Amino acid sequence: MRRLLPLVLSAIACLLPAACANQEIRSKQTILTETLRAYSAAIRWGEYEQAVGFIDPKIQAEHPVTAFELERLRQVRVSNYDEGQPVVVSPDEVRQVVRLDLLNVNTQVARSIVDQRSWRYDAASKHWWLTSGLPDITRRD
C-alpha cells in the first residue's frame, strides 16, 4: 500500500495540468457559445445599443458607432437569422458567417445580407470581443 500511494499521487500530479488546460478550453468554448447566443439575440430583436457592447473596446474607441448608424439599423427588422458554425482561425480568433434577412420598416422591402463576423478572445478579461463591428445593412449581397 505504501508503494502504491506515491504512484497514485504522481499519476494525479501528471494529469492535473492536462485537466486544468482542458477545463480552460471548455470554459473558453462555453464563454464563446454564451457570447454568440447573447449577441445574436440582440441583433435578432433589434437591440443594437446592447449589441454595441460586444464590440472590442479598442475598435469602439477608434471607430465609435454613431447615432446615425444606430438609427439606420433601426430602419430594418430581422425576419430571418441563419448563422453558420463558428470557425476557429487561431486559439484566440473565431469567424462566423451569418445571413440576415431584413425587412425595411418604412418601405416593406425585403432583402438579405451576409454578415462576416470576427471574434477575438481576451485572456485577461476572459471575454470574446466582436472585431468586425455591427452588420453593414447598406451592402447588397
C-alpha atoms as a PDB file:
ATOM      1  CA  MET A   1       0.000   0.000   0.000  1.00  0.00           C
ATOM      2  CA  ARG A   2       2.865   2.391   0.814  1.00  0.00           C
ATOM      3  CA  ARG A   3       4.352   1.829  -2.638  1.00  0.00           C
ATOM      4  CA  LEU A   4       1.018   2.416  -4.328  1.00  0.00           C
ATOM      5  CA  LEU A   5       0.393   5.846  -2.742  1.00  0.00           C
ATOM      6  CA  PRO A   6       3.396   7.622  -4.362  1.00  0.00           C
ATOM      7  CA  LEU A   7       2.471   6.091  -7.703  1.00  0.00           C
ATOM      8  CA  VAL A   8      -1.121   7.305  -7.447  1.00  0.00           C
ATOM      9  CA  LEU A   9      -0.015  10.787  -6.323  1.00  0.00           C
ATOM     10  CA  SER A  10       2.442  11.140  -9.194  1.00  0.00           C
ATOM     11  CA  ALA A  11      -0.239   9.981 -11.660  1.00  0.00           C
ATOM     12  CA  ILE A  12      -2.598  12.636 -10.299  1.00  0.00           C
ATOM     13  CA  ALA A  13       0.156  15.250 -10.486  1.00  0.00           C
ATOM     14  CA  CYS A  14       0.746  14.371 -14.145  1.00  0.00           C
ATOM     15  CA  LEU A  15      -2.934  14.503 -15.064  1.00  0.00           C
ATOM     16  CA  LEU A  16      -3.752  17.710 -13.177  1.00  0.00           C
ATOM     17  CA  PRO A  17      -2.169  20.179 -15.663  1.00  0.00           C
ATOM     18  CA  ALA A  18      -3.897  18.449 -18.575  1.00  0.00           C
ATOM     19  CA  ALA A  19      -7.231  18.553 -16.762  1.00  0.00           C
ATOM     20  CA  CYS A  20      -6.766  22.247 -15.962  1.00  0.00           C
ATOM     21  CA  ALA A  21      -5.860  23.031 -19.572  1.00  0.00           C
ATOM     22  CA  ASN A  22      -8.857  21.050 -20.782  1.00  0.00           C
ATOM     23  CA  GLN A  23     -11.105  22.906 -18.304  1.00  0.00           C
ATOM     24  CA  GLU A  24      -9.736  26.234 -19.586  1.00  0.00           C
ATOM     25  CA  ILE A  25     -10.517  25.258 -23.188  1.00  0.00           C
ATOM     26  CA  ARG A  26     -14.034  24.157 -22.259  1.00  0.00           C
ATOM     27  CA  SER A  27     -14.544  27.355 -20.321  1.00  0.00           C
ATOM     28  CA  LYS A  28     -13.366  29.422 -23.296  1.00  0.00           C
ATOM     29  CA  GLN A  29     -15.730  27.469 -25.571  1.00  0.00           C
ATOM     30  CA  THR A  30     -18.595  27.967 -23.132  1.00  0.00           C
ATOM     31  CA  ILE A  31     -17.912  31.694 -22.987  1.00  0.00           C
ATOM     32  CA  LEU A  32     -17.875  31.821 -26.799  1.00  0.00           C
ATOM     33  CA  THR A  33     -21.172  29.955 -27.044  1.00  0.00           C
ATOM     34  CA  GLU A  34     -22.818  32.254 -24.496  1.00  0.00           C
ATOM     35  CA  THR A  35     -21.404  35.362 -26.201  1.00  0.00           C
ATOM     36  CA  LEU A  36     -22.599  34.299 -29.653  1.00  0.00           C
ATOM     37  CA  ARG A  37     -26.033  33.471 -28.264  1.00  0.00           C
ATOM     38  CA  ALA A  38     -26.384  36.812 -26.479  1.00  0.00           C
ATOM     39  CA  TYR A  39     -25.118  38.816 -29.462  1.00  0.00           C
ATOM     40  CA  SER A  40     -27.415  37.018 -31.893  1.00  0.00           C
ATOM     41  CA  ALA A  41     -30.381  37.709 -29.602  1.00  0.00           C
ATOM     42  CA  ALA A  42     -29.511  41.406 -29.522  1.00  0.00           C
ATOM     43  CA  ILE A  43     -29.327  41.558 -33.324  1.00  0.00           C
ATOM     44  CA  ARG A  44     -32.473  39.462 -33.856  1.00  0.00           C
ATOM     45  CA  TRP A  45     -34.545  41.661 -31.563  1.00  0.00           C
ATOM     46  CA  GLY A  46     -33.104  44.954 -32.791  1.00  0.00           C
ATOM     47  CA  GLU A  47     -31.312  45.763 -29.528  1.00  0.00           C
ATOM     48  CA  TYR A  48     -28.446  47.496 -31.317  1.00  0.00           C
ATOM     49  CA  GLU A  49     -27.319  49.568 -28.342  1.00  0.00           C
ATOM     50  CA  GLN A  50     -26.844  46.305 -26.480  1.00  0.00           C
ATOM     51  CA  ALA A  51     -25.022  44.814 -29.480  1.00  0.00           C
ATOM     52  CA  VAL A  52     -22.542  47.719 -29.404  1.00  0.00           C
ATOM     53  CA  GLY A  53     -21.383  46.420 -26.007  1.00  0.00           C
ATOM     54  CA  PHE A  54     -19.965  43.317 -27.729  1.00  0.00           C
ATOM     55  CA  ILE A  55     -17.576  45.334 -29.907  1.00  0.00           C
ATOM     56  CA  ASP A  56     -13.907  45.251 -28.932  1.00  0.00           C
ATOM     57  CA  PRO A  57     -13.285  48.372 -26.781  1.00  0.00           C
ATOM     58  CA  LYS A  58     -10.153  49.236 -28.793  1.00  0.00           C
ATOM     59  CA  ILE A  59     -12.090  49.169 -32.043  1.00  0.00           C
ATOM     60  CA  GLN A  60     -15.008  51.026 -30.478  1.00  0.00           C
ATOM     61  CA  ALA A  61     -12.589  53.743 -29.300  1.00  0.00           C
ATOM     62  CA  GLU A  62     -11.060  54.080 -32.776  1.00  0.00           C
ATOM     63  CA  HIS A  63     -14.339  53.813 -34.707  1.00  0.00           C
ATOM     64  CA  PRO A  64     -17.280  54.543 -32.392  1.00  0.00           C
ATOM     65  CA  VAL A  65     -20.745  53.555 -33.558  1.00  0.00           C
ATOM     66  CA  THR A  66     -22.570  56.791 -34.294  1.00  0.00           C
ATOM     67  CA  ALA A  67     -26.161  57.714 -33.554  1.00  0.00           C
ATOM     68  CA  PHE A  68     -26.713  57.869 -37.327  1.00  0.00           C
ATOM     69  CA  GLU A  69     -25.562  54.255 -37.751  1.00  0.00           C
ATOM     70  CA  LEU A  70     -27.843  53.103 -34.932  1.00  0.00           C
ATOM     71  CA  GLU A  71     -30.770  54.985 -36.464  1.00  0.00           C
ATOM     72  CA  ARG A  72     -30.090  53.345 -39.830  1.00  0.00           C
ATOM     73  CA  LEU A  73     -30.140  49.911 -38.155  1.00  0.00           C
ATOM     74  CA  ARG A  74     -33.492  50.741 -36.557  1.00  0.00           C
ATOM     75  CA  GLN A  75     -34.947  51.113 -40.076  1.00  0.00           C
ATOM     76  CA  VAL A  76     -34.851  47.336 -40.548  1.00  0.00           C
ATOM     77  CA  ARG A  77     -36.250  44.309 -38.776  1.00  0.00           C
ATOM     78  CA  VAL A  78     -34.554  40.937 -38.895  1.00  0.00           C
ATOM     79  CA  SER A  79     -37.040  38.482 -40.402  1.00  0.00           C
ATOM     80  CA  ASN A  80     -34.657  35.517 -40.588  1.00  0.00           C
ATOM     81  CA  TYR A  81     -31.325  34.794 -38.977  1.00  0.00           C
ATOM     82  CA  ASP A  82     -29.236  31.921 -40.324  1.00  0.00           C
ATOM     83  CA  GLU A  83     -25.920  31.535 -38.565  1.00  0.00           C
ATOM     84  CA  GLY A  84     -23.108  29.257 -39.637  1.00  0.00           C
ATOM     85  CA  GLN A  85     -20.909  27.389 -37.226  1.00  0.00           C
ATOM     86  CA  PRO A  86     -18.020  29.391 -35.754  1.00  0.00           C
ATOM     87  CA  VAL A  87     -14.728  28.580 -37.478  1.00  0.00           C
ATOM     88  CA  VAL A  88     -11.568  28.638 -35.380  1.00  0.00           C
ATOM     89  CA  VAL A  89      -8.909  30.733 -37.113  1.00  0.00           C
ATOM     90  CA  SER A  90      -6.470  30.643 -34.191  1.00  0.00           C
ATOM     91  CA  PRO A  91      -6.774  29.765 -30.492  1.00  0.00           C
ATOM     92  CA  ASP A  92      -7.956  33.325 -29.817  1.00  0.00           C
ATOM     93  CA  GLU A  93      -9.846  34.138 -33.016  1.00  0.00           C
ATOM     94  CA  VAL A  94     -13.093  32.820 -34.434  1.00  0.00           C
ATOM     95  CA  ARG A  95     -15.019  33.744 -37.574  1.00  0.00           C
ATOM     96  CA  GLN A  96     -18.675  33.197 -38.289  1.00  0.00           C
ATOM     97  CA  VAL A  97     -20.854  33.821 -41.334  1.00  0.00           C
ATOM     98  CA  VAL A  98     -24.447  34.886 -40.698  1.00  0.00           C
ATOM     99  CA  ARG A  99     -27.140  35.501 -43.275  1.00  0.00           C
ATOM    100  CA  LEU A 100     -29.662  38.125 -42.224  1.00  0.00           C
ATOM    101  CA  ASP A 101     -32.987  38.587 -43.981  1.00  0.00           C
ATOM    102  CA  LEU A 102     -34.053  42.170 -43.380  1.00  0.00           C
ATOM    103  CA  LEU A 103     -37.324  43.996 -43.805  1.00  0.00           C
ATOM    104  CA  ASN A 104     -37.264  47.771 -44.191  1.00  0.00           C
ATOM    105  CA  VAL A 105     -39.900  49.094 -41.757  1.00  0.00           C
ATOM    106  CA  ASN A 106     -40.691  52.107 -43.971  1.00  0.00           C
ATOM    107  CA  THR A 107     -40.846  50.576 -47.445  1.00  0.00           C
ATOM    108  CA  GLN A 108     -41.584  46.925 -46.523  1.00  0.00           C
ATOM    109  CA  VAL A 109     -38.853  45.877 -48.966  1.00  0.00           C
ATOM    110  CA  ALA A 110     -37.150  42.630 -48.003  1.00  0.00           C
ATOM    111  CA  ARG A 111     -33.519  41.827 -48.735  1.00  0.00           C
ATOM    112  CA  SER A 112     -30.655  39.758 -47.402  1.00  0.00           C
ATOM    113  CA  ILE A 113     -27.122  40.474 -46.317  1.00  0.00           C
ATOM    114  CA  VAL A 114     -24.248  38.257 -45.281  1.00  0.00           C
ATOM    115  CA  ASP A 115     -22.508  39.355 -42.104  1.00  0.00           C
ATOM    116  CA  GLN A 116     -18.881  38.160 -41.841  1.00  0.00           C
ATOM    117  CA  ARG A 117     -18.149  38.252 -38.105  1.00  0.00           C
ATOM    118  CA  SER A 118     -14.776  38.067 -36.411  1.00  0.00           C
ATOM    119  CA  TRP A 119     -14.362  37.467 -32.692  1.00  0.00           C
ATOM    120  CA  ARG A 120     -11.204  37.813 -30.567  1.00  0.00           C
ATOM    121  CA  TYR A 121     -10.664  36.243 -27.159  1.00  0.00           C
ATOM    122  CA  ASP A 122      -9.100  38.405 -24.466  1.00  0.00           C
ATOM    123  CA  ALA A 123      -7.467  36.059 -21.954  1.00  0.00           C
ATOM    124  CA  ALA A 124      -7.029  38.813 -19.342  1.00  0.00           C
ATOM    125  CA  SER A 125     -10.744  39.576 -19.140  1.00  0.00           C
ATOM    126  CA  LYS A 126     -11.857  36.089 -20.278  1.00  0.00           C
ATOM    127  CA  HIS A 127     -14.143  37.719 -22.797  1.00  0.00           C
ATOM    128  CA  TRP A 128     -14.839  37.316 -26.528  1.00  0.00           C
ATOM    129  CA  TRP A 129     -14.942  40.642 -28.388  1.00  0.00           C
ATOM    130  CA  LEU A 130     -16.507  41.370 -31.753  1.00  0.00           C
ATOM    131  CA  THR A 131     -13.826  42.833 -34.023  1.00  0.00           C
ATOM    132  CA  SER A 132     -15.842  43.120 -37.240  1.00  0.00           C
ATOM    133  CA  GLY A 133     -18.396  45.631 -35.995  1.00  0.00           C
ATOM    134  CA  LEU A 134     -22.166  45.669 -36.355  1.00  0.00           C
ATOM    135  CA  PRO A 135     -23.764  44.317 -39.536  1.00  0.00           C
ATOM    136  CA  ASP A 136     -23.427  46.599 -42.546  1.00  0.00           C
ATOM    137  CA  ILE A 137     -27.007  46.816 -43.798  1.00  0.00           C
ATOM    138  CA  THR A 138     -26.024  49.113 -46.669  1.00  0.00           C
ATOM    139  CA  ARG A 139     -24.244  46.277 -48.519  1.00  0.00           C
ATOM    140  CA  ARG A 140     -26.055  44.448 -51.275  1.00  0.00           C
ATOM    141  CA  ASP A 141     -25.432  40.686 -51.271  1.00  0.00           C
END
